[in-house]
ModelCIF file with pLDDT and N, C-alpha, C, O atoms, coordinates in Angstrom:
data_MODEL
#
_entry.id   MODEL 
#
_entity.id                         1 
_entity.type                       polymer 
_entity.pdbx_number_of_molecules   1 
#
_entity_poly.entity_id                      1 
_entity_poly.type                           'polypeptide(L)' 
_entity_poly.nstd_linkage                   no 
_entity_poly.nstd_monomer                   no 
_entity_poly.pdbx_seq_one_letter_code       ADFAAAEDAVQDALVEAVRVWPADPPRDPKGWLVTVAWRRFLDATRA 
_entity_poly.pdbx_seq_one_letter_code_can   ADFAAAEDAVQDALVEAVRVWPADPPRDPKGWLVTVAWRRFLDATRA 
_entity_poly.pdbx_strand_id                 A 
#
loop_
_entity_poly_seq.entity_id 
_entity_poly_seq.num 
_entity_poly_seq.mon_id 
_entity_poly_seq.hetero 
1 1  ALA n 
1 2  ASP n 
1 3  PHE n 
1 4  ALA n 
1 5  ALA n 
1 6  ALA n 
1 7  GLU n 
1 8  ASP n 
1 9  ALA n 
1 10 VAL n 
1 11 GLN n 
1 12 ASP n 
1 13 ALA n 
1 14 LEU n 
1 15 VAL n 
1 16 GLU n 
1 17 ALA n 
1 18 VAL n 
1 19 ARG n 
1 20 VAL n 
1 21 TRP n 
1 22 PRO n 
1 23 ALA n 
1 24 ASP n 
1 25 PRO n 
1 26 PRO n 
1 27 ARG n 
1 28 ASP n 
1 29 PRO n 
1 30 LYS n 
1 31 GLY n 
1 32 TRP n 
1 33 LEU n 
1 34 VAL n 
1 35 THR n 
1 36 VAL n 
1 37 ALA n 
1 38 TRP n 
1 39 ARG n 
1 40 ARG n 
1 41 PHE n 
1 42 LEU n 
1 43 ASP n 
1 44 ALA n 
1 45 THR n 
1 46 ARG n 
1 47 ALA n 
#
_struct_asym.id          A 
_struct_asym.entity_id   1 
#
loop_
_ma_qa_metric.id 
_ma_qa_metric.mode 
_ma_qa_metric.name 
_ma_qa_metric.software_group_id 
_ma_qa_metric.type 
1 global pLDDT . pLDDT 
2 local  pLDDT . pLDDT 
#
_ma_qa_metric_global.metric_id      1 
_ma_qa_metric_global.metric_value   84.74 
_ma_qa_metric_global.model_id       1 
_ma_qa_metric_global.ordinal_id     1 
#
loop_
_ma_qa_metric_local.label_asym_id 
_ma_qa_metric_local.label_comp_id 
_ma_qa_metric_local.label_seq_id 
_ma_qa_metric_local.metric_id 
_ma_qa_metric_local.metric_value 
_ma_qa_metric_local.model_id 
_ma_qa_metric_local.ordinal_id 
A ALA 1  2 80.00 1 1  
A ASP 2  2 77.00 1 2  
A PHE 3  2 82.00 1 3  
A ALA 4  2 80.00 1 4  
A ALA 5  2 81.00 1 5  
A ALA 6  2 84.00 1 6  
A GLU 7  2 85.00 1 7  
A ASP 8  2 85.00 1 8  
A ALA 9  2 86.00 1 9  
A VAL 10 2 87.00 1 10 
A GLN 11 2 87.00 1 11 
A ASP 12 2 87.00 1 12 
A ALA 13 2 88.00 1 13 
A LEU 14 2 87.00 1 14 
A VAL 15 2 85.00 1 15 
A GLU 16 2 86.00 1 16 
A ALA 17 2 88.00 1 17 
A VAL 18 2 86.00 1 18 
A ARG 19 2 85.00 1 19 
A VAL 20 2 85.00 1 20 
A TRP 21 2 89.00 1 21 
A PRO 22 2 87.00 1 22 
A ALA 23 2 84.00 1 23 
A ASP 24 2 85.00 1 24 
A PRO 25 2 86.00 1 25 
A PRO 26 2 88.00 1 26 
A ARG 27 2 87.00 1 27 
A ASP 28 2 89.00 1 28 
A PRO 29 2 89.00 1 29 
A LYS 30 2 89.00 1 30 
A GLY 31 2 89.00 1 31 
A TRP 32 2 90.00 1 32 
A LEU 33 2 90.00 1 33 
A VAL 34 2 90.00 1 34 
A THR 35 2 90.00 1 35 
A VAL 36 2 89.00 1 36 
A ALA 37 2 88.00 1 37 
A TRP 38 2 87.00 1 38 
A ARG 39 2 85.00 1 39 
A ARG 40 2 85.00 1 40 
A PHE 41 2 83.00 1 41 
A LEU 42 2 82.00 1 42 
A ASP 43 2 78.00 1 43 
A ALA 44 2 80.00 1 44 
A THR 45 2 76.00 1 45 
A ARG 46 2 72.00 1 46 
A ALA 47 2 65.00 1 47 
#
loop_
_atom_site.group_PDB 
_atom_site.id 
_atom_site.type_symbol 
_atom_site.label_atom_id 
_atom_site.label_alt_id 
_atom_site.label_comp_id 
_atom_site.label_asym_id 
_atom_site.label_entity_id 
_atom_site.label_seq_id 
_atom_site.pdbx_PDB_ins_code 
_atom_site.Cartn_x 
_atom_site.Cartn_y 
_atom_site.Cartn_z 
_atom_site.occupancy 
_atom_site.B_iso_or_equiv 
_atom_site.pdbx_formal_charge 
_atom_site.auth_seq_id 
_atom_site.auth_comp_id 
_atom_site.auth_asym_id 
_atom_site.auth_atom_id 
_atom_site.pdbx_PDB_model_num 
ATOM 1   N N  . ALA A 1 1  ? -115.807 123.766 -40.508 1.00 80.00 ? 1  ALA A N  1 
ATOM 2   C CA . ALA A 1 1  ? -115.886 123.376 -41.914 1.00 80.00 ? 1  ALA A CA 1 
ATOM 3   C C  . ALA A 1 1  ? -116.399 121.954 -42.028 1.00 80.00 ? 1  ALA A C  1 
ATOM 4   O O  . ALA A 1 1  ? -116.023 121.093 -41.233 1.00 80.00 ? 1  ALA A O  1 
ATOM 5   N N  . ASP A 1 2  ? -117.270 121.693 -43.027 1.00 77.00 ? 2  ASP A N  1 
ATOM 6   C CA . ASP A 1 2  ? -117.662 120.304 -43.223 1.00 77.00 ? 2  ASP A CA 1 
ATOM 7   C C  . ASP A 1 2  ? -116.494 119.564 -43.889 1.00 77.00 ? 2  ASP A C  1 
ATOM 8   O O  . ASP A 1 2  ? -115.594 120.180 -44.461 1.00 77.00 ? 2  ASP A O  1 
ATOM 9   N N  . PHE A 1 3  ? -116.532 118.265 -43.803 1.00 82.00 ? 3  PHE A N  1 
ATOM 10  C CA . PHE A 1 3  ? -115.367 117.456 -44.169 1.00 82.00 ? 3  PHE A CA 1 
ATOM 11  C C  . PHE A 1 3  ? -114.937 117.685 -45.613 1.00 82.00 ? 3  PHE A C  1 
ATOM 12  O O  . PHE A 1 3  ? -113.754 117.894 -45.879 1.00 82.00 ? 3  PHE A O  1 
ATOM 13  N N  . ALA A 1 4  ? -115.888 117.648 -46.555 1.00 80.00 ? 4  ALA A N  1 
ATOM 14  C CA . ALA A 1 4  ? -115.530 117.774 -47.969 1.00 80.00 ? 4  ALA A CA 1 
ATOM 15  C C  . ALA A 1 4  ? -114.936 119.144 -48.272 1.00 80.00 ? 4  ALA A C  1 
ATOM 16  O O  . ALA A 1 4  ? -113.926 119.242 -48.969 1.00 80.00 ? 4  ALA A O  1 
ATOM 17  N N  . ALA A 1 5  ? -115.562 120.213 -47.748 1.00 81.00 ? 5  ALA A N  1 
ATOM 18  C CA . ALA A 1 5  ? -115.053 121.560 -47.998 1.00 81.00 ? 5  ALA A CA 1 
ATOM 19  C C  . ALA A 1 5  ? -113.690 121.760 -47.354 1.00 81.00 ? 5  ALA A C  1 
ATOM 20  O O  . ALA A 1 5  ? -112.817 122.415 -47.924 1.00 81.00 ? 5  ALA A O  1 
ATOM 21  N N  . ALA A 1 6  ? -113.508 121.193 -46.165 1.00 84.00 ? 6  ALA A N  1 
ATOM 22  C CA . ALA A 1 6  ? -112.219 121.311 -45.479 1.00 84.00 ? 6  ALA A CA 1 
ATOM 23  C C  . ALA A 1 6  ? -111.121 120.637 -46.277 1.00 84.00 ? 6  ALA A C  1 
ATOM 24  O O  . ALA A 1 6  ? -110.022 121.176 -46.411 1.00 84.00 ? 6  ALA A O  1 
ATOM 25  N N  . GLU A 1 7  ? -111.414 119.467 -46.803 1.00 85.00 ? 7  GLU A N  1 
ATOM 26  C CA . GLU A 1 7  ? -110.378 118.770 -47.566 1.00 85.00 ? 7  GLU A CA 1 
ATOM 27  C C  . GLU A 1 7  ? -110.017 119.535 -48.831 1.00 85.00 ? 7  GLU A C  1 
ATOM 28  O O  . GLU A 1 7  ? -108.842 119.604 -49.192 1.00 85.00 ? 7  GLU A O  1 
ATOM 29  N N  . ASP A 1 8  ? -111.004 120.110 -49.511 1.00 85.00 ? 8  ASP A N  1 
ATOM 30  C CA . ASP A 1 8  ? -110.721 120.917 -50.699 1.00 85.00 ? 8  ASP A CA 1 
ATOM 31  C C  . ASP A 1 8  ? -109.823 122.095 -50.336 1.00 85.00 ? 8  ASP A C  1 
ATOM 32  O O  . ASP A 1 8  ? -108.882 122.416 -51.062 1.00 85.00 ? 8  ASP A O  1 
ATOM 33  N N  . ALA A 1 9  ? -110.120 122.733 -49.209 1.00 86.00 ? 9  ALA A N  1 
ATOM 34  C CA . ALA A 1 9  ? -109.321 123.879 -48.787 1.00 86.00 ? 9  ALA A CA 1 
ATOM 35  C C  . ALA A 1 9  ? -107.890 123.472 -48.452 1.00 86.00 ? 9  ALA A C  1 
ATOM 36  O O  . ALA A 1 9  ? -106.942 124.180 -48.795 1.00 86.00 ? 9  ALA A O  1 
ATOM 37  N N  . VAL A 1 10 ? -107.735 122.334 -47.784 1.00 87.00 ? 10 VAL A N  1 
ATOM 38  C CA . VAL A 1 10 ? -106.390 121.853 -47.443 1.00 87.00 ? 10 VAL A CA 1 
ATOM 39  C C  . VAL A 1 10 ? -105.612 121.512 -48.703 1.00 87.00 ? 10 VAL A C  1 
ATOM 40  O O  . VAL A 1 10 ? -104.419 121.802 -48.790 1.00 87.00 ? 10 VAL A O  1 
ATOM 41  N N  . GLN A 1 11 ? -106.265 120.908 -49.668 1.00 87.00 ? 11 GLN A N  1 
ATOM 42  C CA . GLN A 1 11 ? -105.582 120.583 -50.925 1.00 87.00 ? 11 GLN A CA 1 
ATOM 43  C C  . GLN A 1 11 ? -105.115 121.858 -51.625 1.00 87.00 ? 11 GLN A C  1 
ATOM 44  O O  . GLN A 1 11 ? -104.015 121.896 -52.177 1.00 87.00 ? 11 GLN A O  1 
ATOM 45  N N  . ASP A 1 12 ? -105.948 122.904 -51.603 1.00 87.00 ? 12 ASP A N  1 
ATOM 46  C CA . ASP A 1 12 ? -105.538 124.184 -52.185 1.00 87.00 ? 12 ASP A CA 1 
ATOM 47  C C  . ASP A 1 12 ? -104.318 124.742 -51.456 1.00 87.00 ? 12 ASP A C  1 
ATOM 48  O O  . ASP A 1 12 ? -103.397 125.270 -52.079 1.00 87.00 ? 12 ASP A O  1 
ATOM 49  N N  . ALA A 1 13 ? -104.325 124.619 -50.133 1.00 88.00 ? 13 ALA A N  1 
ATOM 50  C CA . ALA A 1 13 ? -103.184 125.117 -49.348 1.00 88.00 ? 13 ALA A CA 1 
ATOM 51  C C  . ALA A 1 13 ? -101.915 124.337 -49.664 1.00 88.00 ? 13 ALA A C  1 
ATOM 52  O O  . ALA A 1 13 ? -100.830 124.916 -49.719 1.00 88.00 ? 13 ALA A O  1 
ATOM 53  N N  . LEU A 1 14 ? -102.039 123.042 -49.872 1.00 87.00 ? 14 LEU A N  1 
ATOM 54  C CA . LEU A 1 14 ? -100.873 122.237 -50.214 1.00 87.00 ? 14 LEU A CA 1 
ATOM 55  C C  . LEU A 1 14 ? -100.301 122.652 -51.566 1.00 87.00 ? 14 LEU A C  1 
ATOM 56  O O  . LEU A 1 14 ? -99.085  122.735 -51.732 1.00 87.00 ? 14 LEU A O  1 
ATOM 57  N N  . VAL A 1 15 ? -101.177 122.910 -52.526 1.00 85.00 ? 15 VAL A N  1 
ATOM 58  C CA . VAL A 1 15 ? -100.716 123.383 -53.839 1.00 85.00 ? 15 VAL A CA 1 
ATOM 59  C C  . VAL A 1 15 ? -99.974  124.702 -53.691 1.00 85.00 ? 15 VAL A C  1 
ATOM 60  O O  . VAL A 1 15 ? -98.927  124.904 -54.306 1.00 85.00 ? 15 VAL A O  1 
ATOM 61  N N  . GLU A 1 16 ? -100.521 125.606 -52.869 1.00 86.00 ? 16 GLU A N  1 
ATOM 62  C CA . GLU A 1 16 ? -99.865  126.885 -52.631 1.00 86.00 ? 16 GLU A CA 1 
ATOM 63  C C  . GLU A 1 16 ? -98.516  126.703 -51.942 1.00 86.00 ? 16 GLU A C  1 
ATOM 64  O O  . GLU A 1 16 ? -97.559  127.420 -52.236 1.00 86.00 ? 16 GLU A O  1 
ATOM 65  N N  . ALA A 1 17 ? -98.445  125.731 -51.017 1.00 88.00 ? 17 ALA A N  1 
ATOM 66  C CA . ALA A 1 17 ? -97.185  125.463 -50.329 1.00 88.00 ? 17 ALA A CA 1 
ATOM 67  C C  . ALA A 1 17 ? -96.115  124.986 -51.302 1.00 88.00 ? 17 ALA A C  1 
ATOM 68  O O  . ALA A 1 17 ? -94.961  125.408 -51.222 1.00 88.00 ? 17 ALA A O  1 
ATOM 69  N N  . VAL A 1 18 ? -96.500  124.112 -52.217 1.00 86.00 ? 18 VAL A N  1 
ATOM 70  C CA . VAL A 1 18 ? -95.552  123.631 -53.223 1.00 86.00 ? 18 VAL A CA 1 
ATOM 71  C C  . VAL A 1 18 ? -95.018  124.790 -54.050 1.00 86.00 ? 18 VAL A C  1 
ATOM 72  O O  . VAL A 1 18 ? -93.857  124.782 -54.460 1.00 86.00 ? 18 VAL A O  1 
ATOM 73  N N  . ARG A 1 19 ? -95.862  125.787 -54.297 1.00 85.00 ? 19 ARG A N  1 
ATOM 74  C CA . ARG A 1 19 ? -95.442  126.937 -55.105 1.00 85.00 ? 19 ARG A CA 1 
ATOM 75  C C  . ARG A 1 19 ? -94.573  127.912 -54.325 1.00 85.00 ? 19 ARG A C  1 
ATOM 76  O O  . ARG A 1 19 ? -93.607  128.451 -54.865 1.00 85.00 ? 19 ARG A O  1 
ATOM 77  N N  . VAL A 1 20 ? -94.911  128.144 -53.049 1.00 85.00 ? 20 VAL A N  1 
ATOM 78  C CA . VAL A 1 20 ? -94.297  129.229 -52.291 1.00 85.00 ? 20 VAL A CA 1 
ATOM 79  C C  . VAL A 1 20 ? -93.101  128.794 -51.450 1.00 85.00 ? 20 VAL A C  1 
ATOM 80  O O  . VAL A 1 20 ? -92.100  129.507 -51.383 1.00 85.00 ? 20 VAL A O  1 
ATOM 81  N N  . TRP A 1 21 ? -93.195  127.642 -50.816 1.00 89.00 ? 21 TRP A N  1 
ATOM 82  C CA . TRP A 1 21 ? -92.202  127.262 -49.812 1.00 89.00 ? 21 TRP A CA 1 
ATOM 83  C C  . TRP A 1 21 ? -90.762  127.152 -50.321 1.00 89.00 ? 21 TRP A C  1 
ATOM 84  O O  . TRP A 1 21 ? -89.842  127.542 -49.602 1.00 89.00 ? 21 TRP A O  1 
ATOM 85  N N  . PRO A 1 22 ? -90.534  126.640 -51.525 1.00 87.00 ? 22 PRO A N  1 
ATOM 86  C CA . PRO A 1 22 ? -89.120  126.529 -51.951 1.00 87.00 ? 22 PRO A CA 1 
ATOM 87  C C  . PRO A 1 22 ? -88.370  127.852 -51.883 1.00 87.00 ? 22 PRO A C  1 
ATOM 88  O O  . PRO A 1 22 ? -87.185  127.867 -51.551 1.00 87.00 ? 22 PRO A O  1 
ATOM 89  N N  . ALA A 1 23 ? -89.040  128.971 -52.193 1.00 84.00 ? 23 ALA A N  1 
ATOM 90  C CA . ALA A 1 23 ? -88.386  130.280 -52.169 1.00 84.00 ? 23 ALA A CA 1 
ATOM 91  C C  . ALA A 1 23 ? -88.543  130.986 -50.823 1.00 84.00 ? 23 ALA A C  1 
ATOM 92  O O  . ALA A 1 23 ? -87.709  131.812 -50.452 1.00 84.00 ? 23 ALA A O  1 
ATOM 93  N N  . ASP A 1 24 ? -89.596  130.666 -50.104 1.00 85.00 ? 24 ASP A N  1 
ATOM 94  C CA . ASP A 1 24 ? -89.878  131.367 -48.851 1.00 85.00 ? 24 ASP A CA 1 
ATOM 95  C C  . ASP A 1 24 ? -90.460  130.405 -47.825 1.00 85.00 ? 24 ASP A C  1 
ATOM 96  O O  . ASP A 1 24 ? -91.654  130.479 -47.534 1.00 85.00 ? 24 ASP A O  1 
ATOM 97  N N  . PRO A 1 25 ? -89.653  129.502 -47.265 1.00 86.00 ? 25 PRO A N  1 
ATOM 98  C CA . PRO A 1 25 ? -90.172  128.506 -46.308 1.00 86.00 ? 25 PRO A CA 1 
ATOM 99  C C  . PRO A 1 25 ? -90.669  129.175 -45.029 1.00 86.00 ? 25 PRO A C  1 
ATOM 100 O O  . PRO A 1 25 ? -90.003  130.069 -44.507 1.00 86.00 ? 25 PRO A O  1 
ATOM 101 N N  . PRO A 1 26 ? -91.824  128.758 -44.516 1.00 88.00 ? 26 PRO A N  1 
ATOM 102 C CA . PRO A 1 26 ? -92.371  129.384 -43.307 1.00 88.00 ? 26 PRO A CA 1 
ATOM 103 C C  . PRO A 1 26 ? -91.662  128.890 -42.047 1.00 88.00 ? 26 PRO A C  1 
ATOM 104 O O  . PRO A 1 26 ? -91.098  127.797 -42.015 1.00 88.00 ? 26 PRO A O  1 
ATOM 105 N N  . ARG A 1 27 ? -91.707  129.724 -41.017 1.00 87.00 ? 27 ARG A N  1 
ATOM 106 C CA . ARG A 1 27 ? -91.134  129.323 -39.726 1.00 87.00 ? 27 ARG A CA 1 
ATOM 107 C C  . ARG A 1 27 ? -92.009  128.260 -39.051 1.00 87.00 ? 27 ARG A C  1 
ATOM 108 O O  . ARG A 1 27 ? -91.510  127.366 -38.368 1.00 87.00 ? 27 ARG A O  1 
ATOM 109 N N  . ASP A 1 28 ? -93.293  128.376 -39.253 1.00 89.00 ? 28 ASP A N  1 
ATOM 110 C CA . ASP A 1 28 ? -94.255  127.440 -38.642 1.00 89.00 ? 28 ASP A CA 1 
ATOM 111 C C  . ASP A 1 28 ? -95.095  126.813 -39.759 1.00 89.00 ? 28 ASP A C  1 
ATOM 112 O O  . ASP A 1 28 ? -96.155  127.344 -40.092 1.00 89.00 ? 28 ASP A O  1 
ATOM 113 N N  . PRO A 1 29 ? -94.646  125.696 -40.345 1.00 89.00 ? 29 PRO A N  1 
ATOM 114 C CA . PRO A 1 29 ? -95.363  125.106 -41.489 1.00 89.00 ? 29 PRO A CA 1 
ATOM 115 C C  . PRO A 1 29 ? -96.828  124.802 -41.205 1.00 89.00 ? 29 PRO A C  1 
ATOM 116 O O  . PRO A 1 29 ? -97.692  125.073 -42.040 1.00 89.00 ? 29 PRO A O  1 
ATOM 117 N N  . LYS A 1 30 ? -97.115  124.238 -40.026 1.00 89.00 ? 30 LYS A N  1 
ATOM 118 C CA . LYS A 1 30 ? -98.508  123.892 -39.739 1.00 89.00 ? 30 LYS A CA 1 
ATOM 119 C C  . LYS A 1 30 ? -99.363  125.148 -39.619 1.00 89.00 ? 30 LYS A C  1 
ATOM 120 O O  . LYS A 1 30 ? -100.472 125.199 -40.150 1.00 89.00 ? 30 LYS A O  1 
ATOM 121 N N  . GLY A 1 31 ? -98.850  126.161 -38.924 1.00 89.00 ? 31 GLY A N  1 
ATOM 122 C CA . GLY A 1 31 ? -99.605  127.395 -38.788 1.00 89.00 ? 31 GLY A CA 1 
ATOM 123 C C  . GLY A 1 31 ? -99.867  128.052 -40.135 1.00 89.00 ? 31 GLY A C  1 
ATOM 124 O O  . GLY A 1 31 ? -100.943 128.600 -40.372 1.00 89.00 ? 31 GLY A O  1 
ATOM 125 N N  . TRP A 1 32 ? -98.871  127.990 -41.013 1.00 90.00 ? 32 TRP A N  1 
ATOM 126 C CA . TRP A 1 32 ? -99.024  128.552 -42.364 1.00 90.00 ? 32 TRP A CA 1 
ATOM 127 C C  . TRP A 1 32 ? -100.128 127.817 -43.118 1.00 90.00 ? 32 TRP A C  1 
ATOM 128 O O  . TRP A 1 32 ? -100.989 128.446 -43.733 1.00 90.00 ? 32 TRP A O  1 
ATOM 129 N N  . LEU A 1 33 ? -100.104 126.482 -43.072 1.00 90.00 ? 33 LEU A N  1 
ATOM 130 C CA . LEU A 1 33 ? -101.108 125.692 -43.780 1.00 90.00 ? 33 LEU A CA 1 
ATOM 131 C C  . LEU A 1 33 ? -102.509 125.933 -43.219 1.00 90.00 ? 33 LEU A C  1 
ATOM 132 O O  . LEU A 1 33 ? -103.471 126.048 -43.979 1.00 90.00 ? 33 LEU A O  1 
ATOM 133 N N  . VAL A 1 34 ? -102.625 126.010 -41.886 1.00 90.00 ? 34 VAL A N  1 
ATOM 134 C CA . VAL A 1 34 ? -103.930 126.262 -41.275 1.00 90.00 ? 34 VAL A CA 1 
ATOM 135 C C  . VAL A 1 34 ? -104.479 127.607 -41.740 1.00 90.00 ? 34 VAL A C  1 
ATOM 136 O O  . VAL A 1 34 ? -105.649 127.714 -42.107 1.00 90.00 ? 34 VAL A O  1 
ATOM 137 N N  . THR A 1 35 ? -103.622 128.640 -41.721 1.00 90.00 ? 35 THR A N  1 
ATOM 138 C CA . THR A 1 35 ? -104.060 129.970 -42.122 1.00 90.00 ? 35 THR A CA 1 
ATOM 139 C C  . THR A 1 35 ? -104.514 130.003 -43.578 1.00 90.00 ? 35 THR A C  1 
ATOM 140 O O  . THR A 1 35 ? -105.592 130.512 -43.883 1.00 90.00 ? 35 THR A O  1 
ATOM 141 N N  . VAL A 1 36 ? -103.694 129.462 -44.473 1.00 89.00 ? 36 VAL A N  1 
ATOM 142 C CA . VAL A 1 36 ? -104.025 129.485 -45.898 1.00 89.00 ? 36 VAL A CA 1 
ATOM 143 C C  . VAL A 1 36 ? -105.256 128.626 -46.177 1.00 89.00 ? 36 VAL A C  1 
ATOM 144 O O  . VAL A 1 36 ? -106.136 129.030 -46.937 1.00 89.00 ? 36 VAL A O  1 
ATOM 145 N N  . ALA A 1 37 ? -105.321 127.443 -45.566 1.00 88.00 ? 37 ALA A N  1 
ATOM 146 C CA . ALA A 1 37 ? -106.471 126.564 -45.791 1.00 88.00 ? 37 ALA A CA 1 
ATOM 147 C C  . ALA A 1 37 ? -107.755 127.205 -45.280 1.00 88.00 ? 37 ALA A C  1 
ATOM 148 O O  . ALA A 1 37 ? -108.804 127.098 -45.916 1.00 88.00 ? 37 ALA A O  1 
ATOM 149 N N  . TRP A 1 38 ? -107.673 127.876 -44.123 1.00 87.00 ? 38 TRP A N  1 
ATOM 150 C CA . TRP A 1 38 ? -108.867 128.519 -43.580 1.00 87.00 ? 38 TRP A CA 1 
ATOM 151 C C  . TRP A 1 38 ? -109.333 129.649 -44.490 1.00 87.00 ? 38 TRP A C  1 
ATOM 152 O O  . TRP A 1 38 ? -110.534 129.843 -44.679 1.00 87.00 ? 38 TRP A O  1 
ATOM 153 N N  . ARG A 1 39 ? -108.373 130.404 -45.060 1.00 85.00 ? 39 ARG A N  1 
ATOM 154 C CA . ARG A 1 39 ? -108.733 131.454 -46.008 1.00 85.00 ? 39 ARG A CA 1 
ATOM 155 C C  . ARG A 1 39 ? -109.436 130.867 -47.235 1.00 85.00 ? 39 ARG A C  1 
ATOM 156 O O  . ARG A 1 39 ? -110.439 131.397 -47.712 1.00 85.00 ? 39 ARG A O  1 
ATOM 157 N N  . ARG A 1 40 ? -108.884 129.771 -47.723 1.00 85.00 ? 40 ARG A N  1 
ATOM 158 C CA . ARG A 1 40 ? -109.498 129.127 -48.895 1.00 85.00 ? 40 ARG A CA 1 
ATOM 159 C C  . ARG A 1 40 ? -110.908 128.652 -48.566 1.00 85.00 ? 40 ARG A C  1 
ATOM 160 O O  . ARG A 1 40 ? -111.820 128.783 -49.382 1.00 85.00 ? 40 ARG A O  1 
ATOM 161 N N  . PHE A 1 41 ? -111.084 128.098 -47.366 1.00 83.00 ? 41 PHE A N  1 
ATOM 162 C CA . PHE A 1 41 ? -112.419 127.646 -46.971 1.00 83.00 ? 41 PHE A CA 1 
ATOM 163 C C  . PHE A 1 41 ? -113.392 128.816 -46.897 1.00 83.00 ? 41 PHE A C  1 
ATOM 164 O O  . PHE A 1 41 ? -114.520 128.721 -47.380 1.00 83.00 ? 41 PHE A O  1 
ATOM 165 N N  . LEU A 1 42 ? -112.956 129.917 -46.293 1.00 82.00 ? 42 LEU A N  1 
ATOM 166 C CA . LEU A 1 42 ? -113.824 131.077 -46.181 1.00 82.00 ? 42 LEU A CA 1 
ATOM 167 C C  . LEU A 1 42 ? -114.188 131.629 -47.557 1.00 82.00 ? 42 LEU A C  1 
ATOM 168 O O  . LEU A 1 42 ? -115.338 131.987 -47.807 1.00 82.00 ? 42 LEU A O  1 
ATOM 169 N N  . ASP A 1 43 ? -113.201 131.693 -48.443 1.00 78.00 ? 43 ASP A N  1 
ATOM 170 C CA . ASP A 1 43 ? -113.474 132.192 -49.796 1.00 78.00 ? 43 ASP A CA 1 
ATOM 171 C C  . ASP A 1 43 ? -114.501 131.315 -50.503 1.00 78.00 ? 43 ASP A C  1 
ATOM 172 O O  . ASP A 1 43 ? -115.433 131.811 -51.135 1.00 78.00 ? 43 ASP A O  1 
ATOM 173 N N  . ALA A 1 44 ? -114.314 130.003 -50.383 1.00 80.00 ? 44 ALA A N  1 
ATOM 174 C CA . ALA A 1 44 ? -115.237 129.078 -51.044 1.00 80.00 ? 44 ALA A CA 1 
ATOM 175 C C  . ALA A 1 44 ? -116.626 129.166 -50.430 1.00 80.00 ? 44 ALA A C  1 
ATOM 176 O O  . ALA A 1 44 ? -117.629 129.070 -51.138 1.00 80.00 ? 44 ALA A O  1 
ATOM 177 N N  . THR A 1 45 ? -116.688 129.346 -49.124 1.00 76.00 ? 45 THR A N  1 
ATOM 178 C CA . THR A 1 45 ? -117.976 129.423 -48.438 1.00 76.00 ? 45 THR A CA 1 
ATOM 179 C C  . THR A 1 45 ? -118.755 130.657 -48.881 1.00 76.00 ? 45 THR A C  1 
ATOM 180 O O  . THR A 1 45 ? -119.953 130.591 -49.155 1.00 76.00 ? 45 THR A O  1 
ATOM 181 N N  . ARG A 1 46 ? -118.047 131.782 -48.945 1.00 72.00 ? 46 ARG A N  1 
ATOM 182 C CA . ARG A 1 46 ? -118.718 133.036 -49.322 1.00 72.00 ? 46 ARG A CA 1 
ATOM 183 C C  . ARG A 1 46 ? -119.138 133.018 -50.781 1.00 72.00 ? 46 ARG A C  1 
ATOM 184 O O  . ARG A 1 46 ? -120.123 133.653 -51.158 1.00 72.00 ? 46 ARG A O  1 
ATOM 185 N N  . ALA A 1 47 ? -118.377 132.277 -51.614 1.00 65.00 ? 47 ALA A N  1 
ATOM 186 C CA . ALA A 1 47 ? -118.681 132.262 -53.043 1.00 65.00 ? 47 ALA A CA 1 
ATOM 187 C C  . ALA A 1 47 ? -119.817 131.320 -53.403 1.00 65.00 ? 47 ALA A C  1 
ATOM 188 O O  . ALA A 1 47 ? -120.179 131.208 -54.574 1.00 65.00 ? 47 ALA A O  1 
#
């Protein structure tokens, strides 16, 4: 991912974490963020 797109994806993942984690905290926070951020990057890239 290029730097700007990666940062946008990470910010989206952080927003999702704020929404989801209080009710369903992940066992591996970093792995969860990497997975969600990578999905966001792929979605943005394809779009």
